[in-house]
Amino acid sequence: MSDYRIEKITIGKLHEFAQKALTDGAHYKVLPITPERALAQSKNPAASKDDIGLLVIYHKDQCIGYRGFMPCWAKSGEDIYKLHAPTTFYVAPDYRGKIIYKEQTVAAYLNTVIFQSGYESIGTGISDYSVRYYKRDKRFRRIPPLPYLRINIGWIAPFSSAFRKLSRIKMLKTIRGFLNRCSHFSRKTIDYGISLILKTLLMPAGCENDPELDEIPVDKVLPLEENCKDVQSDKIISLYRDESIINWMLQYPWIKEDKEYLSTYYFAKQRERFEYSAYHLVEKKDRKHVGYVVYSISTENGYTTLKILDYKTLAKKYEPYILKLAMDISKNENVNVIEGSNDFWCYLRDRPLLRKITGRFDRIYLVWGKKDGIFEQCGYSFKLDYCDCDKPFS
């Protein structure tokens, strides 16, 4: 163990550390965090400067792995608590499974250090490989998963979707530009005609009787003037995202640096596109602000996903418009799949075609708590949400 050491990087020092690591290729062939992502995390409204944001493990002063954390808020009753959601977890291939301390591997020892800190944490978006690892570590508790929806728009835009799929085949790389033009032309012509024919069948239930709304693009969302606050049971925990958290996400996206660090940063994914779109919803008649919604659009290897992220309305009757707006944006942005909360399922049940192209999936959650902590006090009862942890950032 004498050849190994762990460094705890606090949120207040995270950006400085990232800049140093980037220029020190001799010791950081494995880059633990990019300066852009470090800067974003340093602005987190839920974090204090002394919170641990990153654990880095070294072997003879060479970085061989790391584990990142994002402080976030949780709510139980009217009380707000701080949790630490894992964001990144990486061990260099040569050190995976290597025992370094008291029968613990590099990965297990990284977890031991964070357990010893006394933090309580909840994580999701876990890869299949990581799930197998966590099953072996009995310190983690698996809670019931979160159901969510995926609407496969490609089924109602068959021609442009087919050309997109062809353009992703390596053997057709030389005519990729032609295929992309065919996809664009099909979307504007044949598929557009199909969507007009199917429009009434694809309209989310409830939109017909809604007051007429306008969506106004905004750079940041404003709080709604609610008559009363939503107070949940003090025996249920939910992750809490207010407007300050949402606006922090909009101002400091994590993905914009991805292409630059592909060779050194494991969590850099090559995206052709990643952006957020935020809207205020207002009634056309009196221009009253009745809600907001945030979407993300991400294109990876020619495949585009629109996610319905944070949203809030003054009344349930406005919610179907959020799904309708997502459908409208998808037609204009050549989207393959819409993802969002399972709460939208009630607006699909009376729409056979829309329901037919919608799949229901589950997202795994793992938590670890401490004796007499908030998890134990609430009996590990959670109200989960599509925007939990770091999922909205990717």
Foldseek 3Di string as FASTA:
>chain_A
DVQKDKDFAFLLCQLVVQVVLVVCCVQALARQAHNLQSVLLSLAPQGDRGHGAKMFMGGNSHTFWMKGWHWFWKDFFHDIDIAIETDDTDGHPVQVPPDDPPRDGPRRVNVVVVVVVQGWYKYWPDDPVVVVVVVVVVLKDWDFWAKWKKFFCCVLLVFLSVLLVVLLDPVCVVCNVVSNVRSVVSLVPVSVVSCVVCVVLQQFPLPVPFFDKDKDWDLFDDDAPAPDDDGDHNLAMETDDDRVNVNSCSVRFRQPCQVVCVSRYVPRADWPDKHKIKIFMAGPPPRHGFKMWMWMWTHHSSAIEIETADMDGNDPSCVSVSVVVVVVVCSVPVHRMYMFHPVSVVRCPVRVVRVVSMDMDTMIMMIHHDVPDSCVSSVNHYDYGPHPGCVVSD
